[in-house]
């Protein structure tokens, strides 16, 4: 077996690291031979309009989630890895009226 290669884009915030594996700004994703690596874009949430992101997050032992205050801390003695696939979507007026505006990073999205 070969040693794992580093991910193309990583954002380390101390208690957690976000490893971006893939990002695209349109669906279906156009993949050209001369296109630069799509993960050269900034690590961000949510995905670009019409796009998608694949990332995994590692959280240190005992650390709390830096993004979701409702998530519990990693109560183990080992790092935790989670995989996320974020796909752009649109909230309908019906859902918005039933739930109110969505909150993200403790800020209201418009």
PDB file of N, CA and C in Angstrom:
ATOM      1  N   UNK A   1       0.835  -1.182   0.000  1.00  0.00           N
ATOM      2  CA  UNK A   1       0.000   0.000   0.000  1.00  0.00           C
ATOM      3  C   UNK A   1       0.877   1.242   0.000  1.00  0.00           C
ATOM      4  N   UNK A   2       0.416   2.242  -0.684  1.00  0.00           N
ATOM      5  CA  UNK A   2       1.126   3.510  -0.680  1.00  0.00           C
ATOM      6  C   UNK A   2       0.579   4.399   0.425  1.00  0.00           C
ATOM      7  N   UNK A   3       1.384   5.329   0.870  1.00  0.00           N
ATOM      8  CA  UNK A   3       0.949   6.267   1.908  1.00  0.00           C
ATOM      9  C   UNK A   3      -0.117   7.187   1.335  1.00  0.00           C
ATOM     10  N   UNK A   4      -1.099   7.599   2.158  1.00  0.00           N
ATOM     11  CA  UNK A   4      -2.140   8.508   1.653  1.00  0.00           C
ATOM     12  C   UNK A   4      -1.545   9.848   1.239  1.00  0.00           C
ATOM     13  N   UNK A   5      -2.061  10.381   0.172  1.00  0.00           N
ATOM     14  CA  UNK A   5      -1.611  11.689  -0.304  1.00  0.00           C
ATOM     15  C   UNK A   5      -2.430  12.770   0.379  1.00  0.00           C
ATOM     16  N   UNK A   6      -1.860  13.966   0.554  1.00  0.00           N
ATOM     17  CA  UNK A   6      -2.650  15.041   1.157  1.00  0.00           C
ATOM     18  C   UNK A   6      -3.788  15.451   0.234  1.00  0.00           C
ATOM     19  N   UNK A   7      -4.866  15.946   0.836  1.00  0.00           N
ATOM     20  CA  UNK A   7      -5.988  16.415   0.031  1.00  0.00           C
ATOM     21  C   UNK A   7      -5.584  17.701  -0.673  1.00  0.00           C
ATOM     22  N   UNK A   8      -6.221  18.000  -1.798  1.00  0.00           N
ATOM     23  CA  UNK A   8      -5.853  19.194  -2.564  1.00  0.00           C
ATOM     24  C   UNK A   8      -6.052  20.500  -1.804  1.00  0.00           C
ATOM     25  N   UNK A   9      -7.033  20.573  -0.907  1.00  0.00           N
ATOM     26  CA  UNK A   9      -7.312  21.825  -0.196  1.00  0.00           C
ATOM     27  C   UNK A   9      -7.727  21.493   1.225  1.00  0.00           C
ATOM     28  N   UNK A  10      -7.065  22.099   2.215  1.00  0.00           N
ATOM     29  CA  UNK A  10      -7.383  21.866   3.623  1.00  0.00           C
ATOM     30  C   UNK A  10      -7.459  23.190   4.354  1.00  0.00           C
ATOM     31  N   UNK A  11      -8.459  23.309   5.214  1.00  0.00           N
ATOM     32  CA  UNK A  11      -8.601  24.455   6.109  1.00  0.00           C
ATOM     33  C   UNK A  11      -8.550  23.903   7.520  1.00  0.00           C
ATOM     34  N   UNK A  12      -7.477  24.244   8.260  1.00  0.00           N
ATOM     35  CA  UNK A  12      -7.299  23.761   9.625  1.00  0.00           C
ATOM     36  C   UNK A  12      -7.666  24.886  10.577  1.00  0.00           C
ATOM     37  N   UNK A  13      -8.655  24.649  11.452  1.00  0.00           N
ATOM     38  CA  UNK A  13      -9.097  25.675  12.401  1.00  0.00           C
ATOM     39  C   UNK A  13      -8.677  25.327  13.827  1.00  0.00           C
ATOM     40  N   UNK A  14      -7.725  24.430  13.970  1.00  0.00           N
ATOM     41  CA  UNK A  14      -7.211  24.070  15.284  1.00  0.00           C
ATOM     42  C   UNK A  14      -7.856  22.816  15.845  1.00  0.00           C
ATOM     43  N   UNK A  15      -9.137  22.864  16.151  1.00  0.00           N
ATOM     44  CA  UNK A  15      -9.825  21.694  16.706  1.00  0.00           C
ATOM     45  C   UNK A  15     -10.401  20.803  15.618  1.00  0.00           C
ATOM     46  N   UNK A  16     -10.422  21.292  14.392  1.00  0.00           N
ATOM     47  CA  UNK A  16     -10.947  20.513  13.271  1.00  0.00           C
ATOM     48  C   UNK A  16     -10.235  20.933  11.993  1.00  0.00           C
ATOM     49  N   UNK A  17     -10.197  20.017  11.046  1.00  0.00           N
ATOM     50  CA  UNK A  17      -9.631  20.306   9.730  1.00  0.00           C
ATOM     51  C   UNK A  17     -10.653  19.900   8.679  1.00  0.00           C
ATOM     52  N   UNK A  18     -10.868  20.773   7.703  1.00  0.00           N
ATOM     53  CA  UNK A  18     -11.812  20.542   6.615  1.00  0.00           C
ATOM     54  C   UNK A  18     -11.002  20.248   5.362  1.00  0.00           C
ATOM     55  N   UNK A  19     -11.163  19.044   4.810  1.00  0.00           N
ATOM     56  CA  UNK A  19     -10.411  18.605   3.636  1.00  0.00           C
ATOM     57  C   UNK A  19     -11.358  18.584   2.443  1.00  0.00           C
ATOM     58  N   UNK A  20     -11.152  19.499   1.519  1.00  0.00           N
ATOM     59  CA  UNK A  20     -12.018  19.582   0.347  1.00  0.00           C
ATOM     60  C   UNK A  20     -11.483  18.653  -0.732  1.00  0.00           C
ATOM     61  N   UNK A  21     -12.301  17.688  -1.129  1.00  0.00           N
ATOM     62  CA  UNK A  21     -11.906  16.694  -2.111  1.00  0.00           C
ATOM     63  C   UNK A  21     -12.337  17.112  -3.512  1.00  0.00           C
ATOM     64  N   UNK A  22     -13.532  17.711  -3.614  1.00  0.00           N
ATOM     65  CA  UNK A  22     -14.069  18.083  -4.924  1.00  0.00           C
ATOM     66  C   UNK A  22     -15.035  19.240  -4.763  1.00  0.00           C
ATOM     67  N   UNK A  23     -15.030  20.161  -5.720  1.00  0.00           N
ATOM     68  CA  UNK A  23     -16.019  21.244  -5.762  1.00  0.00           C
ATOM     69  C   UNK A  23     -16.283  21.574  -7.218  1.00  0.00           C
ATOM     70  N   UNK A  24     -17.546  21.814  -7.524  1.00  0.00           N
ATOM     71  CA  UNK A  24     -17.924  22.230  -8.866  1.00  0.00           C
ATOM     72  C   UNK A  24     -18.979  23.321  -8.756  1.00  0.00           C
ATOM     73  N   UNK A  25     -19.043  24.166  -9.747  1.00  0.00           N
ATOM     74  CA  UNK A  25     -20.005  25.266  -9.710  1.00  0.00           C
ATOM     75  C   UNK A  25     -21.167  25.056 -10.672  1.00  0.00           C
ATOM     76  N   UNK A  26     -21.281  23.862 -11.244  1.00  0.00           N
ATOM     77  CA  UNK A  26     -22.425  23.575 -12.108  1.00  0.00           C
ATOM     78  C   UNK A  26     -22.674  22.078 -12.142  1.00  0.00           C
ATOM     79  N   UNK A  27     -23.913  21.734 -12.428  1.00  0.00           N
ATOM     80  CA  UNK A  27     -24.300  20.334 -12.545  1.00  0.00           C
ATOM     81  C   UNK A  27     -25.009  20.150 -13.875  1.00  0.00           C
ATOM     82  N   UNK A  28     -24.660  19.213 -14.721  1.00  0.00           N
ATOM     83  CA  UNK A  28     -23.555  18.301 -14.474  1.00  0.00           C
ATOM     84  C   UNK A  28     -22.226  19.040 -14.551  1.00  0.00           C
ATOM     85  N   UNK A  29     -21.246  18.531 -13.843  1.00  0.00           N
ATOM     86  CA  UNK A  29     -19.922  19.156 -13.807  1.00  0.00           C
ATOM     87  C   UNK A  29     -19.225  18.968 -15.152  1.00  0.00           C
ATOM     88  N   UNK A  30     -18.738  20.045 -15.705  1.00  0.00           N
ATOM     89  CA  UNK A  30     -17.966  19.984 -16.943  1.00  0.00           C
ATOM     90  C   UNK A  30     -16.521  19.665 -16.588  1.00  0.00           C
ATOM     91  N   UNK A  31     -15.986  18.584 -17.104  1.00  0.00           N
ATOM     92  CA  UNK A  31     -14.629  18.162 -16.782  1.00  0.00           C
ATOM     93  C   UNK A  31     -13.816  18.173 -18.071  1.00  0.00           C
ATOM     94  N   UNK A  32     -12.963  19.162 -18.179  1.00  0.00           N
ATOM     95  CA  UNK A  32     -12.123  19.312 -19.375  1.00  0.00           C
ATOM     96  C   UNK A  32     -10.700  18.869 -19.067  1.00  0.00           C
ATOM     97  N   UNK A  33      -9.973  18.423 -20.087  1.00  0.00           N
ATOM     98  CA  UNK A  33      -8.601  17.955 -19.896  1.00  0.00           C
ATOM     99  C   UNK A  33      -7.683  19.067 -19.386  1.00  0.00           C
ATOM    100  N   UNK A  34      -7.934  20.301 -19.787  1.00  0.00           N
ATOM    101  CA  UNK A  34      -7.056  21.410 -19.413  1.00  0.00           C
ATOM    102  C   UNK A  34      -7.552  22.186 -18.202  1.00  0.00           C
ATOM    103  N   UNK A  35      -8.657  21.755 -17.604  1.00  0.00           N
ATOM    104  CA  UNK A  35      -9.222  22.478 -16.461  1.00  0.00           C
ATOM    105  C   UNK A  35      -8.314  22.340 -15.248  1.00  0.00           C
ATOM    106  N   UNK A  36      -8.090  23.442 -14.498  1.00  0.00           N
ATOM    107  CA  UNK A  36      -7.288  23.314 -13.279  1.00  0.00           C
ATOM    108  C   UNK A  36      -8.032  22.474 -12.239  1.00  0.00           C
ATOM    109  N   UNK A  37      -7.297  21.962 -11.286  1.00  0.00           N
ATOM    110  CA  UNK A  37      -7.899  21.153 -10.221  1.00  0.00           C
ATOM    111  C   UNK A  37      -9.047  21.919  -9.580  1.00  0.00           C
ATOM    112  N   UNK A  38     -10.256  21.358  -9.529  1.00  0.00           N
ATOM    113  CA  UNK A  38     -11.406  22.090  -8.996  1.00  0.00           C
ATOM    114  C   UNK A  38     -11.281  22.421  -7.519  1.00  0.00           C
ATOM    115  N   UNK A  39     -10.431  21.710  -6.794  1.00  0.00           N
ATOM    116  CA  UNK A  39     -10.296  21.987  -5.370  1.00  0.00           C
ATOM    117  C   UNK A  39      -9.377  23.166  -5.078  1.00  0.00           C
ATOM    118  N   UNK A  40      -8.908  23.858  -6.080  1.00  0.00           N
ATOM    119  CA  UNK A  40      -8.087  25.050  -5.859  1.00  0.00           C
ATOM    120  C   UNK A  40      -8.929  26.206  -5.336  1.00  0.00           C
ATOM    121  N   UNK A  41     -10.258  26.078  -5.415  1.00  0.00           N
ATOM    122  CA  UNK A  41     -11.153  27.115  -4.919  1.00  0.00           C
ATOM    123  C   UNK A  41     -11.134  27.132  -3.397  1.00  0.00           C
ATOM    124  N   UNK A  42     -11.540  28.245  -2.825  1.00  0.00           N
ATOM    125  CA  UNK A  42     -11.541  28.390  -1.372  1.00  0.00           C
ATOM    126  C   UNK A  42     -12.465  27.373  -0.714  1.00  0.00           C
ATOM    127  N   UNK A  43     -12.110  26.953   0.507  1.00  0.00           N
ATOM    128  CA  UNK A  43     -12.991  26.080   1.289  1.00  0.00           C
ATOM    129  C   UNK A  43     -14.118  26.950   1.802  1.00  0.00           C
ATOM    130  N   UNK A  44     -15.337  26.602   1.427  1.00  0.00           N
ATOM    131  CA  UNK A  44     -16.486  27.418   1.792  1.00  0.00           C
ATOM    132  C   UNK A  44     -17.716  26.549   1.960  1.00  0.00           C
ATOM    133  N   UNK A  45     -18.691  27.096   2.616  1.00  0.00           N
ATOM    134  CA  UNK A  45     -19.993  26.462   2.761  1.00  0.00           C
ATOM    135  C   UNK A  45     -20.987  27.582   2.660  1.00  0.00           C
ATOM    136  N   UNK A  46     -22.037  27.454   1.976  1.00  0.00           N
ATOM    137  CA  UNK A  46     -22.528  26.312   1.222  1.00  0.00           C
ATOM    138  C   UNK A  46     -21.831  26.201  -0.132  1.00  0.00           C
ATOM    139  N   UNK A  47     -22.224  25.213  -0.949  1.00  0.00           N
ATOM    140  CA  UNK A  47     -21.601  25.078  -2.270  1.00  0.00           C
ATOM    141  C   UNK A  47     -21.978  26.254  -3.166  1.00  0.00           C
ATOM    142  N   UNK A  48     -21.237  26.447  -4.250  1.00  0.00           N
ATOM    143  CA  UNK A  48     -21.594  27.505  -5.201  1.00  0.00           C
ATOM    144  C   UNK A  48     -22.996  27.273  -5.761  1.00  0.00           C
ATOM    145  N   UNK A  49     -23.668  28.332  -6.184  1.00  0.00           N
ATOM    146  CA  UNK A  49     -24.995  28.149  -6.799  1.00  0.00           C
ATOM    147  C   UNK A  49     -24.920  27.141  -7.954  1.00  0.00           C
ATOM    148  N   UNK A  50     -25.786  26.133  -7.907  1.00  0.00           N
ATOM    149  CA  UNK A  50     -25.807  25.111  -8.944  1.00  0.00           C
ATOM    150  C   UNK A  50     -24.700  24.085  -8.822  1.00  0.00           C
ATOM    151  N   UNK A  51     -23.922  24.124  -7.755  1.00  0.00           N
ATOM    152  CA  UNK A  51     -22.768  23.247  -7.637  1.00  0.00           C
ATOM    153  C   UNK A  51     -22.857  22.257  -6.502  1.00  0.00           C
ATOM    154  N   UNK A  52     -21.723  21.611  -6.236  1.00  0.00           N
ATOM    155  CA  UNK A  52     -21.635  20.608  -5.189  1.00  0.00           C
ATOM    156  C   UNK A  52     -20.231  20.600  -4.608  1.00  0.00           C
ATOM    157  N   UNK A  53     -20.132  20.143  -3.363  1.00  0.00           N
ATOM    158  CA  UNK A  53     -18.851  20.008  -2.672  1.00  0.00           C
ATOM    159  C   UNK A  53     -18.795  18.626  -2.039  1.00  0.00           C
ATOM    160  N   UNK A  54     -17.630  17.992  -2.106  1.00  0.00           N
ATOM    161  CA  UNK A  54     -17.364  16.768  -1.363  1.00  0.00           C
ATOM    162  C   UNK A  54     -16.191  17.092  -0.447  1.00  0.00           C
ATOM    163  N   UNK A  55     -16.398  16.872   0.851  1.00  0.00           N
ATOM    164  CA  UNK A  55     -15.318  17.145   1.797  1.00  0.00           C
ATOM    165  C   UNK A  55     -15.424  16.186   2.962  1.00  0.00           C
ATOM    166  N   UNK A  56     -14.289  15.995   3.630  1.00  0.00           N
ATOM    167  CA  UNK A  56     -14.348  15.277   4.899  1.00  0.00           C
ATOM    168  C   UNK A  56     -13.711  16.146   5.955  1.00  0.00           C
ATOM    169  N   UNK A  57     -14.170  15.954   7.169  1.00  0.00           N
ATOM    170  CA  UNK A  57     -13.733  16.749   8.300  1.00  0.00           C
ATOM    171  C   UNK A  57     -13.139  15.820   9.341  1.00  0.00           C
ATOM    172  N   UNK A  58     -12.050  16.254   9.937  1.00  0.00           N
ATOM    173  CA  UNK A  58     -11.450  15.534  11.046  1.00  0.00           C
ATOM    174  C   UNK A  58     -11.568  16.416  12.280  1.00  0.00           C
ATOM    175  N   UNK A  59     -12.057  15.839  13.372  1.00  0.00           N
ATOM    176  CA  UNK A  59     -12.205  16.589  14.606  1.00  0.00           C
ATOM    177  C   UNK A  59     -11.327  15.936  15.672  1.00  0.00           C
ATOM    178  N   UNK A  60     -10.561  16.760  16.375  1.00  0.00           N
ATOM    179  CA  UNK A  60      -9.620  16.280  17.377  1.00  0.00           C
ATOM    180  C   UNK A  60     -10.336  15.639  18.559  1.00  0.00           C
ATOM    181  N   UNK A  61      -9.655  14.744  19.264  1.00  0.00           N
ATOM    182  CA  UNK A  61     -10.246  14.152  20.468  1.00  0.00           C
ATOM    183  C   UNK A  61     -10.652  15.240  21.464  1.00  0.00           C
ATOM    184  N   UNK A  62     -11.865  15.127  22.002  1.00  0.00           N
ATOM    185  CA  UNK A  62     -12.357  16.086  22.985  1.00  0.00           C
ATOM    186  C   UNK A  62     -12.822  17.415  22.427  1.00  0.00           C
ATOM    187  N   UNK A  63     -12.697  17.626  21.121  1.00  0.00           N
ATOM    188  CA  UNK A  63     -13.049  18.918  20.523  1.00  0.00           C
ATOM    189  C   UNK A  63     -14.542  19.032  20.275  1.00  0.00           C
ATOM    190  N   UNK A  64     -15.054  20.261  20.350  1.00  0.00           N
ATOM    191  CA  UNK A  64     -16.435  20.551  19.971  1.00  0.00           C
ATOM    192  C   UNK A  64     -16.444  20.962  18.513  1.00  0.00           C
ATOM    193  N   UNK A  65     -17.577  20.792  17.860  1.00  0.00           N
ATOM    194  CA  UNK A  65     -17.693  21.176  16.461  1.00  0.00           C
ATOM    195  C   UNK A  65     -17.541  22.688  16.329  1.00  0.00           C
ATOM    196  N   UNK A  66     -16.646  23.158  15.464  1.00  0.00           N
ATOM    197  CA  UNK A  66     -16.501  24.602  15.278  1.00  0.00           C
ATOM    198  C   UNK A  66     -17.621  25.211  14.434  1.00  0.00           C
ATOM    199  N   UNK A  67     -18.447  24.358  13.787  1.00  0.00           N
ATOM    200  CA  UNK A  67     -19.469  24.881  12.882  1.00  0.00           C
ATOM    201  C   UNK A  67     -20.882  24.737  13.409  1.00  0.00           C
ATOM    202  N   UNK A  68     -21.149  23.724  14.188  1.00  0.00           N
ATOM    203  CA  UNK A  68     -22.520  23.423  14.588  1.00  0.00           C
ATOM    204  C   UNK A  68     -22.604  23.367  16.110  1.00  0.00           C
ATOM    205  N   UNK A  69     -23.172  24.383  16.699  1.00  0.00           N
ATOM    206  CA  UNK A  69     -23.226  24.438  18.158  1.00  0.00           C
ATOM    207  C   UNK A  69     -24.086  23.323  18.744  1.00  0.00           C
ATOM    208  N   UNK A  70     -24.981  22.756  17.959  1.00  0.00           N
ATOM    209  CA  UNK A  70     -25.849  21.685  18.463  1.00  0.00           C
ATOM    210  C   UNK A  70     -25.152  20.331  18.462  1.00  0.00           C
ATOM    211  N   UNK A  71     -24.031  20.203  17.718  1.00  0.00           N
ATOM    212  CA  UNK A  71     -23.335  18.917  17.672  1.00  0.00           C
ATOM    213  C   UNK A  71     -22.552  18.700  18.952  1.00  0.00           C
ATOM    214  N   UNK A  72     -22.467  17.449  19.364  1.00  0.00           N
ATOM    215  CA  UNK A  72     -21.720  17.103  20.558  1.00  0.00           C
ATOM    216  C   UNK A  72     -20.226  17.104  20.271  1.00  0.00           C
ATOM    217  N   UNK A  73     -19.456  17.158  21.335  1.00  0.00           N
ATOM    218  CA  UNK A  73     -18.005  17.087  21.209  1.00  0.00           C
ATOM    219  C   UNK A  73     -17.585  15.677  20.834  1.00  0.00           C
ATOM    220  N   UNK A  74     -16.376  15.569  20.301  1.00  0.00           N
ATOM    221  CA  UNK A  74     -15.770  14.269  20.070  1.00  0.00           C
ATOM    222  C   UNK A  74     -15.316  13.761  21.440  1.00  0.00           C
ATOM    223  N   UNK A  75     -16.064  12.840  22.003  1.00  0.00           N
ATOM    224  CA  UNK A  75     -15.769  12.361  23.355  1.00  0.00           C
ATOM    225  C   UNK A  75     -14.826  11.169  23.365  1.00  0.00           C
ATOM    226  N   UNK A  76     -14.243  10.845  22.237  1.00  0.00           N
ATOM    227  CA  UNK A  76     -13.327   9.710  22.179  1.00  0.00           C
ATOM    228  C   UNK A  76     -11.887  10.174  22.358  1.00  0.00           C
ATOM    229  N   UNK A  77     -10.988   9.204  22.388  1.00  0.00           N
ATOM    230  CA  UNK A  77      -9.553   9.497  22.488  1.00  0.00           C
ATOM    231  C   UNK A  77      -8.893   9.516  21.107  1.00  0.00           C
ATOM    232  N   UNK A  78      -9.693   9.424  20.053  1.00  0.00           N
ATOM    233  CA  UNK A  78      -9.172   9.375  18.686  1.00  0.00           C
ATOM    234  C   UNK A  78      -9.820  10.457  17.842  1.00  0.00           C
ATOM    235  N   UNK A  79      -9.151  10.874  16.779  1.00  0.00           N
ATOM    236  CA  UNK A  79      -9.796  11.821  15.856  1.00  0.00           C
ATOM    237  C   UNK A  79     -11.035  11.189  15.225  1.00  0.00           C
ATOM    238  N   UNK A  80     -12.021  12.000  14.905  1.00  0.00           N
ATOM    239  CA  UNK A  80     -13.241  11.558  14.242  1.00  0.00           C
ATOM    240  C   UNK A  80     -13.226  12.093  12.828  1.00  0.00           C
ATOM    241  N   UNK A  81     -13.602  11.260  11.860  1.00  0.00           N
ATOM    242  CA  UNK A  81     -13.703  11.685  10.461  1.00  0.00           C
ATOM    243  C   UNK A  81     -15.144  11.572  10.009  1.00  0.00           C
ATOM    244  N   UNK A  82     -15.614  12.632   9.337  1.00  0.00           N
ATOM    245  CA  UNK A  82     -16.979  12.660   8.807  1.00  0.00           C
ATOM    246  C   UNK A  82     -16.901  13.101   7.355  1.00  0.00           C
ATOM    247  N   UNK A  83     -17.696  12.487   6.489  1.00  0.00           N
ATOM    248  CA  UNK A  83     -17.741  12.851   5.072  1.00  0.00           C
ATOM    249  C   UNK A  83     -19.033  13.610   4.809  1.00  0.00           C
ATOM    250  N   UNK A  84     -18.929  14.705   4.040  1.00  0.00           N
ATOM    251  CA  UNK A  84     -20.079  15.527   3.697  1.00  0.00           C
ATOM    252  C   UNK A  84     -20.146  15.705   2.191  1.00  0.00           C
ATOM    253  N   UNK A  85     -21.350  15.615   1.648  1.00  0.00           N
ATOM    254  CA  UNK A  85     -21.613  15.964   0.255  1.00  0.00           C
ATOM    255  C   UNK A  85     -22.664  17.058   0.303  1.00  0.00           C
ATOM    256  N   UNK A  86     -22.289  18.272  -0.098  1.00  0.00           N
ATOM    257  CA  UNK A  86     -23.190  19.414  -0.071  1.00  0.00           C
ATOM    258  C   UNK A  86     -23.618  19.719  -1.496  1.00  0.00           C
ATOM    259  N   UNK A  87     -24.909  19.727  -1.743  1.00  0.00           N
ATOM    260  CA  UNK A  87     -25.459  19.977  -3.069  1.00  0.00           C
ATOM    261  C   UNK A  87     -26.360  21.197  -2.987  1.00  0.00           C
ATOM    262  N   UNK A  88     -26.140  22.156  -3.880  1.00  0.00           N
ATOM    263  CA  UNK A  88     -26.948  23.368  -3.871  1.00  0.00           C
ATOM    264  C   UNK A  88     -28.411  23.028  -4.069  1.00  0.00           C
ATOM    265  N   UNK A  89     -29.239  23.713  -3.350  1.00  0.00           N
ATOM    266  CA  UNK A  89     -30.677  23.522  -3.463  1.00  0.00           C
ATOM    267  C   UNK A  89     -31.382  24.854  -3.268  1.00  0.00           C
ATOM    268  N   UNK A  90     -32.664  24.849  -3.450  1.00  0.00           N
ATOM    269  CA  UNK A  90     -33.446  26.068  -3.302  1.00  0.00           C
ATOM    270  C   UNK A  90     -34.593  25.811  -2.336  1.00  0.00           C
ATOM    271  N   UNK A  91     -34.724  26.667  -1.343  1.00  0.00           N
ATOM    272  CA  UNK A  91     -35.798  26.548  -0.365  1.00  0.00           C
ATOM    273  C   UNK A  91     -37.044  27.191  -0.956  1.00  0.00           C
ATOM    274  N   UNK A  92     -38.131  26.436  -0.963  1.00  0.00           N
ATOM    275  CA  UNK A  92     -39.368  26.960  -1.531  1.00  0.00           C
ATOM    276  C   UNK A  92     -40.002  27.971  -0.579  1.00  0.00           C
ATOM    277  N   UNK A  93     -40.834  28.832  -1.125  1.00  0.00           N
ATOM    278  CA  UNK A  93     -41.546  29.803  -0.299  1.00  0.00           C
ATOM    279  C   UNK A  93     -42.413  29.113   0.737  1.00  0.00           C
ATOM    280  N   UNK A  94     -43.006  27.980   0.360  1.00  0.00           N
ATOM    281  CA  UNK A  94     -43.847  27.219   1.281  1.00  0.00           C
ATOM    282  C   UNK A  94     -43.046  26.754   2.502  1.00  0.00           C
ATOM    283  N   UNK A  95     -41.861  26.211   2.271  1.00  0.00           N
ATOM    284  CA  UNK A  95     -41.023  25.762   3.384  1.00  0.00           C
ATOM    285  C   UNK A  95     -40.542  26.946   4.217  1.00  0.00           C
ATOM    286  N   UNK A  96     -40.124  28.023   3.553  1.00  0.00           N
ATOM    287  CA  UNK A  96     -39.638  29.206   4.257  1.00  0.00           C
ATOM    288  C   UNK A  96     -40.728  29.780   5.165  1.00  0.00           C
ATOM    289  N   UNK A  97     -41.978  29.795   4.703  1.00  0.00           N
ATOM    290  CA  UNK A  97     -43.060  30.336   5.528  1.00  0.00           C
ATOM    291  C   UNK A  97     -43.371  29.416   6.705  1.00  0.00           C
ATOM    292  N   UNK A  98     -43.133  28.122   6.535  1.00  0.00           N
ATOM    293  CA  UNK A  98     -43.403  27.176   7.620  1.00  0.00           C
ATOM    294  C   UNK A  98     -42.299  27.158   8.669  1.00  0.00           C
ATOM    295  N   UNK A  99     -41.044  27.391   8.263  1.00  0.00           N
ATOM    296  CA  UNK A  99     -39.915  27.257   9.189  1.00  0.00           C
ATOM    297  C   UNK A  99     -39.223  28.567   9.523  1.00  0.00           C
ATOM    298  N   UNK A 100     -39.443  29.611   8.752  1.00  0.00           N
ATOM    299  CA  UNK A 100     -38.685  30.850   8.927  1.00  0.00           C
ATOM    300  C   UNK A 100     -37.387  30.765   8.151  1.00  0.00           C
ATOM    301  N   UNK A 101     -36.603  31.840   8.147  1.00  0.00           N
ATOM    302  CA  UNK A 101     -35.356  31.828   7.373  1.00  0.00           C
ATOM    303  C   UNK A 101     -34.343  30.847   7.966  1.00  0.00           C
ATOM    304  N   UNK A 102     -33.591  30.135   7.105  1.00  0.00           N
ATOM    305  CA  UNK A 102     -32.594  29.197   7.627  1.00  0.00           C
ATOM    306  C   UNK A 102     -31.441  29.935   8.296  1.00  0.00           C
ATOM    307  N   UNK A 103     -30.871  29.317   9.316  1.00  0.00           N
ATOM    308  CA  UNK A 103     -29.710  29.902   9.984  1.00  0.00           C
ATOM    309  C   UNK A 103     -28.487  29.089   9.617  1.00  0.00           C
ATOM    310  N   UNK A 104     -27.395  29.782   9.440  1.00  0.00           N
ATOM    311  CA  UNK A 104     -26.152  29.143   9.036  1.00  0.00           C
ATOM    312  C   UNK A 104     -25.004  29.869   9.703  1.00  0.00           C
ATOM    313  N   UNK A 105     -24.185  29.165  10.426  1.00  0.00           N
ATOM    314  CA  UNK A 105     -23.083  29.780  11.162  1.00  0.00           C
ATOM    315  C   UNK A 105     -23.593  30.911  12.034  1.00  0.00           C
ATOM    316  N   UNK A 106     -24.758  30.706  12.628  1.00  0.00           N
ATOM    317  CA  UNK A 106     -25.377  31.693  13.520  1.00  0.00           C
ATOM    318  C   UNK A 106     -25.750  32.984  12.781  1.00  0.00           C
ATOM    319  N   UNK A 107     -25.834  32.933  11.464  1.00  0.00           N
ATOM    320  CA  UNK A 107     -26.254  34.078  10.667  1.00  0.00           C
ATOM    321  C   UNK A 107     -27.425  33.642   9.797  1.00  0.00           C
ATOM    322  N   UNK A 108     -28.330  34.557   9.532  1.00  0.00           N
ATOM    323  CA  UNK A 108     -29.470  34.248   8.679  1.00  0.00           C
ATOM    324  C   UNK A 108     -29.058  34.393   7.227  1.00  0.00           C
ATOM    325  N   UNK A 109     -29.365  33.366   6.407  1.00  0.00           N
ATOM    326  CA  UNK A 109     -29.096  33.440   4.975  1.00  0.00           C
ATOM    327  C   UNK A 109     -30.238  34.178   4.287  1.00  0.00           C
ATOM    328  N   UNK A 110     -29.922  34.975   3.354  1.00  0.00           N
ATOM    329  CA  UNK A 110     -30.951  35.682   2.562  1.00  0.00           C
ATOM    330  C   UNK A 110     -31.131  34.990   1.231  1.00  0.00           C
TER     331      UNK A 110
END
